[in-house]
């Protein structure tokens, strides 16, 4: 596996168009990964709610508890 620095050095060897394409691909992959993480978190929260391990609360109630 390459280090972050090695990846950056490799990216420097690409043409400008290739670098722009790389940025676009990476942005899409990051967005997909974030969506997948959010989807996983929502599913887990729904399972916990269904199992009775959590209760619904307003934003004000949550802020009051953590303050």
PDB file of N, CA and C in Angstrom:
ATOM      1  N   UNK A   1       0.846  -1.179   0.000  1.00  0.00           N
ATOM      2  CA  UNK A   1       0.000   0.000   0.000  1.00  0.00           C
ATOM      3  C   UNK A   1       0.891   1.242   0.000  1.00  0.00           C
ATOM      4  N   UNK A   2       0.491   2.211  -0.790  1.00  0.00           N
ATOM      5  CA  UNK A   2       1.256   3.453  -0.861  1.00  0.00           C
ATOM      6  C   UNK A   2       0.885   4.388   0.286  1.00  0.00           C
ATOM      7  N   UNK A   3       1.854   5.199   0.694  1.00  0.00           N
ATOM      8  CA  UNK A   3       1.578   6.210   1.709  1.00  0.00           C
ATOM      9  C   UNK A   3       0.862   7.380   1.044  1.00  0.00           C
ATOM     10  N   UNK A   4       0.293   8.224   1.852  1.00  0.00           N
ATOM     11  CA  UNK A   4      -0.392   9.408   1.345  1.00  0.00           C
ATOM     12  C   UNK A   4       0.561  10.254   0.503  1.00  0.00           C
ATOM     13  N   UNK A   5       1.773  10.435   0.986  1.00  0.00           N
ATOM     14  CA  UNK A   5       2.775  11.212   0.247  1.00  0.00           C
ATOM     15  C   UNK A   5       3.097  10.597  -1.104  1.00  0.00           C
ATOM     16  N   UNK A   6       3.182   9.269  -1.141  1.00  0.00           N
ATOM     17  CA  UNK A   6       3.456   8.586  -2.401  1.00  0.00           C
ATOM     18  C   UNK A   6       2.302   8.781  -3.393  1.00  0.00           C
ATOM     19  N   UNK A   7       1.094   8.738  -2.879  1.00  0.00           N
ATOM     20  CA  UNK A   7      -0.069   8.962  -3.743  1.00  0.00           C
ATOM     21  C   UNK A   7      -0.036  10.380  -4.303  1.00  0.00           C
ATOM     22  N   UNK A   8       0.290  11.350  -3.459  1.00  0.00           N
ATOM     23  CA  UNK A   8       0.382  12.740  -3.933  1.00  0.00           C
ATOM     24  C   UNK A   8       1.470  12.890  -4.979  1.00  0.00           C
ATOM     25  N   UNK A   9       2.601  12.254  -4.744  1.00  0.00           N
ATOM     26  CA  UNK A   9       3.689  12.311  -5.729  1.00  0.00           C
ATOM     27  C   UNK A   9       3.254  11.680  -7.049  1.00  0.00           C
ATOM     28  N   UNK A  10       2.533  10.578  -6.985  1.00  0.00           N
ATOM     29  CA  UNK A  10       2.039   9.932  -8.197  1.00  0.00           C
ATOM     30  C   UNK A  10       1.048  10.839  -8.918  1.00  0.00           C
ATOM     31  N   UNK A  11       0.194  11.511  -8.153  1.00  0.00           N
ATOM     32  CA  UNK A  11      -0.788  12.412  -8.762  1.00  0.00           C
ATOM     33  C   UNK A  11      -0.092  13.572  -9.469  1.00  0.00           C
ATOM     34  N   UNK A  12       1.046  14.013  -8.936  1.00  0.00           N
ATOM     35  CA  UNK A  12       1.799  15.098  -9.570  1.00  0.00           C
ATOM     36  C   UNK A  12       2.314  14.706 -10.951  1.00  0.00           C
ATOM     37  N   UNK A  13       2.461  13.418 -11.185  1.00  0.00           N
ATOM     38  CA  UNK A  13       2.960  12.937 -12.471  1.00  0.00           C
ATOM     39  C   UNK A  13       1.872  12.879 -13.538  1.00  0.00           C
ATOM     40  N   UNK A  14       0.618  13.033 -13.139  1.00  0.00           N
ATOM     41  CA  UNK A  14      -0.496  13.001 -14.082  1.00  0.00           C
ATOM     42  C   UNK A  14      -0.612  14.330 -14.815  1.00  0.00           C
ATOM     43  N   UNK A  15      -1.257  14.285 -15.967  1.00  0.00           N
ATOM     44  CA  UNK A  15      -1.541  15.533 -16.677  1.00  0.00           C
ATOM     45  C   UNK A  15      -2.595  16.301 -15.893  1.00  0.00           C
ATOM     46  N   UNK A  16      -2.784  17.555 -16.220  1.00  0.00           N
ATOM     47  CA  UNK A  16      -3.784  18.367 -15.547  1.00  0.00           C
ATOM     48  C   UNK A  16      -5.175  17.758 -15.719  1.00  0.00           C
ATOM     49  N   UNK A  17      -5.482  17.287 -16.917  1.00  0.00           N
ATOM     50  CA  UNK A  17      -6.791  16.683 -17.170  1.00  0.00           C
ATOM     51  C   UNK A  17      -6.972  15.413 -16.337  1.00  0.00           C
ATOM     52  N   UNK A  18      -5.909  14.614 -16.226  1.00  0.00           N
ATOM     53  CA  UNK A  18      -5.981  13.399 -15.412  1.00  0.00           C
ATOM     54  C   UNK A  18      -6.156  13.740 -13.931  1.00  0.00           C
ATOM     55  N   UNK A  19      -5.484  14.801 -13.489  1.00  0.00           N
ATOM     56  CA  UNK A  19      -5.631  15.226 -12.099  1.00  0.00           C
ATOM     57  C   UNK A  19      -7.063  15.685 -11.825  1.00  0.00           C
ATOM     58  N   UNK A  20      -7.651  16.422 -12.771  1.00  0.00           N
ATOM     59  CA  UNK A  20      -9.033  16.857 -12.607  1.00  0.00           C
ATOM     60  C   UNK A  20      -9.976  15.671 -12.576  1.00  0.00           C
ATOM     61  N   UNK A  21      -9.728  14.690 -13.418  1.00  0.00           N
ATOM     62  CA  UNK A  21     -10.543  13.485 -13.439  1.00  0.00           C
ATOM     63  C   UNK A  21     -10.392  12.728 -12.124  1.00  0.00           C
ATOM     64  N   UNK A  22      -9.166  12.629 -11.622  1.00  0.00           N
ATOM     65  CA  UNK A  22      -8.906  11.962 -10.349  1.00  0.00           C
ATOM     66  C   UNK A  22      -9.673  12.637  -9.219  1.00  0.00           C
ATOM     67  N   UNK A  23      -9.637  13.961  -9.187  1.00  0.00           N
ATOM     68  CA  UNK A  23     -10.361  14.704  -8.153  1.00  0.00           C
ATOM     69  C   UNK A  23     -11.849  14.401  -8.237  1.00  0.00           C
ATOM     70  N   UNK A  24     -12.388  14.390  -9.435  1.00  0.00           N
ATOM     71  CA  UNK A  24     -13.806  14.108  -9.629  1.00  0.00           C
ATOM     72  C   UNK A  24     -14.166  12.707  -9.140  1.00  0.00           C
ATOM     73  N   UNK A  25     -13.347  11.728  -9.501  1.00  0.00           N
ATOM     74  CA  UNK A  25     -13.591  10.346  -9.078  1.00  0.00           C
ATOM     75  C   UNK A  25     -13.521  10.242  -7.559  1.00  0.00           C
ATOM     76  N   UNK A  26     -12.520  10.857  -6.958  1.00  0.00           N
ATOM     77  CA  UNK A  26     -12.376  10.798  -5.498  1.00  0.00           C
ATOM     78  C   UNK A  26     -13.548  11.472  -4.795  1.00  0.00           C
ATOM     79  N   UNK A  27     -14.020  12.595  -5.323  1.00  0.00           N
ATOM     80  CA  UNK A  27     -15.164  13.272  -4.712  1.00  0.00           C
ATOM     81  C   UNK A  27     -16.405  12.385  -4.751  1.00  0.00           C
ATOM     82  N   UNK A  28     -16.629  11.715  -5.872  1.00  0.00           N
ATOM     83  CA  UNK A  28     -17.778  10.806  -5.976  1.00  0.00           C
ATOM     84  C   UNK A  28     -17.642   9.645  -4.996  1.00  0.00           C
ATOM     85  N   UNK A  29     -16.438   9.091  -4.886  1.00  0.00           N
ATOM     86  CA  UNK A  29     -16.219   7.960  -3.973  1.00  0.00           C
ATOM     87  C   UNK A  29     -16.426   8.372  -2.521  1.00  0.00           C
ATOM     88  N   UNK A  30     -15.959   9.556  -2.167  1.00  0.00           N
ATOM     89  CA  UNK A  30     -16.147  10.050  -0.797  1.00  0.00           C
ATOM     90  C   UNK A  30     -17.636  10.240  -0.518  1.00  0.00           C
ATOM     91  N   UNK A  31     -18.358  10.818  -1.464  1.00  0.00           N
ATOM     92  CA  UNK A  31     -19.802  11.022  -1.290  1.00  0.00           C
ATOM     93  C   UNK A  31     -20.515   9.679  -1.142  1.00  0.00           C
ATOM     94  N   UNK A  32     -20.142   8.702  -1.954  1.00  0.00           N
ATOM     95  CA  UNK A  32     -20.754   7.371  -1.863  1.00  0.00           C
ATOM     96  C   UNK A  32     -20.463   6.732  -0.510  1.00  0.00           C
ATOM     97  N   UNK A  33     -19.249   6.897  -0.050  1.00  0.00           N
ATOM     98  CA  UNK A  33     -18.856   6.315   1.244  1.00  0.00           C
ATOM     99  C   UNK A  33     -19.625   6.963   2.387  1.00  0.00           C
ATOM    100  N   UNK A  34     -19.779   8.290   2.315  1.00  0.00           N
ATOM    101  CA  UNK A  34     -20.533   8.997   3.356  1.00  0.00           C
ATOM    102  C   UNK A  34     -22.000   8.569   3.346  1.00  0.00           C
ATOM    103  N   UNK A  35     -22.571   8.407   2.147  1.00  0.00           N
ATOM    104  CA  UNK A  35     -23.957   7.934   2.049  1.00  0.00           C
ATOM    105  C   UNK A  35     -24.092   6.535   2.649  1.00  0.00           C
ATOM    106  N   UNK A  36     -23.150   5.676   2.351  1.00  0.00           N
ATOM    107  CA  UNK A  36     -23.191   4.308   2.895  1.00  0.00           C
ATOM    108  C   UNK A  36     -23.068   4.334   4.413  1.00  0.00           C
ATOM    109  N   UNK A  37     -22.176   5.169   4.940  1.00  0.00           N
ATOM    110  CA  UNK A  37     -22.023   5.283   6.396  1.00  0.00           C
ATOM    111  C   UNK A  37     -23.307   5.801   7.041  1.00  0.00           C
ATOM    112  N   UNK A  38     -23.908   6.814   6.430  1.00  0.00           N
ATOM    113  CA  UNK A  38     -25.141   7.380   6.958  1.00  0.00           C
ATOM    114  C   UNK A  38     -26.261   6.346   6.918  1.00  0.00           C
ATOM    115  N   UNK A  39     -26.341   5.618   5.813  1.00  0.00           N
ATOM    116  CA  UNK A  39     -27.358   4.569   5.679  1.00  0.00           C
ATOM    117  C   UNK A  39     -27.186   3.521   6.777  1.00  0.00           C
ATOM    118  N   UNK A  40     -25.948   3.108   7.025  1.00  0.00           N
ATOM    119  CA  UNK A  40     -25.668   2.130   8.077  1.00  0.00           C
ATOM    120  C   UNK A  40     -26.083   2.674   9.449  1.00  0.00           C
ATOM    121  N   UNK A  41     -25.756   3.938   9.710  1.00  0.00           N
ATOM    122  CA  UNK A  41     -26.099   4.548  10.995  1.00  0.00           C
ATOM    123  C   UNK A  41     -27.610   4.651  11.188  1.00  0.00           C
ATOM    124  N   UNK A  42     -28.326   5.007  10.134  1.00  0.00           N
ATOM    125  CA  UNK A  42     -29.784   5.115  10.220  1.00  0.00           C
ATOM    126  C   UNK A  42     -30.399   3.745  10.488  1.00  0.00           C
ATOM    127  N   UNK A  43     -29.919   2.717   9.778  1.00  0.00           N
ATOM    128  CA  UNK A  43     -30.434   1.370  10.005  1.00  0.00           C
ATOM    129  C   UNK A  43     -30.200   0.925  11.451  1.00  0.00           C
ATOM    130  N   UNK A  44     -29.022   1.210  11.970  1.00  0.00           N
ATOM    131  CA  UNK A  44     -28.700   0.842  13.347  1.00  0.00           C
ATOM    132  C   UNK A  44     -29.592   1.597  14.329  1.00  0.00           C
ATOM    133  N   UNK A  45     -29.816   2.879  14.083  1.00  0.00           N
ATOM    134  CA  UNK A  45     -30.674   3.673  14.960  1.00  0.00           C
ATOM    135  C   UNK A  45     -32.099   3.140  14.942  1.00  0.00           C
ATOM    136  N   UNK A  46     -32.571   2.751  13.768  1.00  0.00           N
ATOM    137  CA  UNK A  46     -33.925   2.185  13.674  1.00  0.00           C
ATOM    138  C   UNK A  46     -34.022   0.862  14.428  1.00  0.00           C
ATOM    139  N   UNK A  47     -32.982   0.031  14.326  1.00  0.00           N
ATOM    140  CA  UNK A  47     -32.974  -1.235  15.070  1.00  0.00           C
ATOM    141  C   UNK A  47     -33.009  -0.974  16.576  1.00  0.00           C
ATOM    142  N   UNK A  48     -32.210  -0.017  17.026  1.00  0.00           N
ATOM    143  CA  UNK A  48     -32.180   0.317  18.452  1.00  0.00           C
ATOM    144  C   UNK A  48     -33.524   0.864  18.912  1.00  0.00           C
ATOM    145  N   UNK A  49     -34.145   1.701  18.084  1.00  0.00           N
ATOM    146  CA  UNK A  49     -35.447   2.256  18.445  1.00  0.00           C
ATOM    147  C   UNK A  49     -36.490   1.149  18.521  1.00  0.00           C
ATOM    148  N   UNK A  50     -36.490   0.288  17.519  1.00  0.00           N
ATOM    149  CA  UNK A  50     -37.453  -0.823  17.482  1.00  0.00           C
ATOM    150  C   UNK A  50     -37.271  -1.752  18.682  1.00  0.00           C
ATOM    151  N   UNK A  51     -36.025  -1.936  19.109  1.00  0.00           N
ATOM    152  CA  UNK A  51     -35.741  -2.801  20.250  1.00  0.00           C
ATOM    153  C   UNK A  51     -36.014  -2.111  21.583  1.00  0.00           C
ATOM    154  N   UNK A  52     -36.372  -0.821  21.541  1.00  0.00           N
ATOM    155  CA  UNK A  52     -36.692  -0.100  22.774  1.00  0.00           C
ATOM    156  C   UNK A  52     -35.484   0.422  23.520  1.00  0.00           C
ATOM    157  N   UNK A  53     -34.338   0.456  22.873  1.00  0.00           N
ATOM    158  CA  UNK A  53     -33.121   0.925  23.555  1.00  0.00           C
ATOM    159  C   UNK A  53     -32.962   2.442  23.504  1.00  0.00           C
ATOM    160  N   UNK A  54     -33.772   3.103  22.701  1.00  0.00           N
ATOM    161  CA  UNK A  54     -33.721   4.569  22.625  1.00  0.00           C
ATOM    162  C   UNK A  54     -35.140   5.113  22.611  1.00  0.00           C
ATOM    163  N   UNK A  55     -35.251   6.372  22.979  1.00  0.00           N
ATOM    164  CA  UNK A  55     -36.559   7.036  22.961  1.00  0.00           C
ATOM    165  C   UNK A  55     -36.476   8.264  22.069  1.00  0.00           C
ATOM    166  N   UNK A  56     -37.584   8.636  21.459  1.00  0.00           N
ATOM    167  CA  UNK A  56     -37.574   9.861  20.649  1.00  0.00           C
ATOM    168  C   UNK A  56     -37.346  11.072  21.547  1.00  0.00           C
ATOM    169  N   UNK A  57     -36.651  12.071  21.018  1.00  0.00           N
ATOM    170  CA  UNK A  57     -36.390  13.295  21.776  1.00  0.00           C
ATOM    171  C   UNK A  57     -36.276  14.461  20.801  1.00  0.00           C
ATOM    172  N   UNK A  58     -36.627  15.637  21.274  1.00  0.00           N
ATOM    173  CA  UNK A  58     -36.469  16.835  20.462  1.00  0.00           C
ATOM    174  C   UNK A  58     -35.014  17.289  20.537  1.00  0.00           C
ATOM    175  N   UNK A  59     -34.651  18.168  19.625  1.00  0.00           N
ATOM    176  CA  UNK A  59     -33.292  18.709  19.641  1.00  0.00           C
ATOM    177  C   UNK A  59     -33.033  19.439  20.954  1.00  0.00           C
ATOM    178  N   UNK A  60     -34.034  20.171  21.442  1.00  0.00           N
ATOM    179  CA  UNK A  60     -33.878  20.908  22.703  1.00  0.00           C
ATOM    180  C   UNK A  60     -33.625  19.950  23.872  1.00  0.00           C
ATOM    181  N   UNK A  61     -34.311  18.820  23.880  1.00  0.00           N
ATOM    182  CA  UNK A  61     -34.116  17.825  24.944  1.00  0.00           C
ATOM    183  C   UNK A  61     -32.715  17.246  24.901  1.00  0.00           C
ATOM    184  N   UNK A  62     -32.242  16.969  23.707  1.00  0.00           N
ATOM    185  CA  UNK A  62     -30.894  16.411  23.552  1.00  0.00           C
ATOM    186  C   UNK A  62     -29.844  17.424  24.009  1.00  0.00           C
ATOM    187  N   UNK A  63     -29.991  18.668  23.581  1.00  0.00           N
ATOM    188  CA  UNK A  63     -29.042  19.702  23.982  1.00  0.00           C
ATOM    189  C   UNK A  63     -29.052  19.922  25.485  1.00  0.00           C
ATOM    190  N   UNK A  64     -30.224  19.844  26.093  1.00  0.00           N
ATOM    191  CA  UNK A  64     -30.315  20.022  27.545  1.00  0.00           C
ATOM    192  C   UNK A  64     -29.568  18.920  28.274  1.00  0.00           C
ATOM    193  N   UNK A  65     -29.657  17.683  27.753  1.00  0.00           N
ATOM    194  CA  UNK A  65     -28.971  16.542  28.396  1.00  0.00           C
ATOM    195  C   UNK A  65     -27.460  16.629  28.275  1.00  0.00           C
ATOM    196  N   UNK A  66     -26.961  17.150  27.161  1.00  0.00           N
ATOM    197  CA  UNK A  66     -25.508  17.157  26.965  1.00  0.00           C
ATOM    198  C   UNK A  66     -24.862  18.426  27.494  1.00  0.00           C
ATOM    199  N   UNK A  67     -25.647  19.425  27.825  1.00  0.00           N
ATOM    200  CA  UNK A  67     -25.081  20.703  28.323  1.00  0.00           C
ATOM    201  C   UNK A  67     -24.745  20.638  29.780  1.00  0.00           C
TER     202      UNK A  67
END
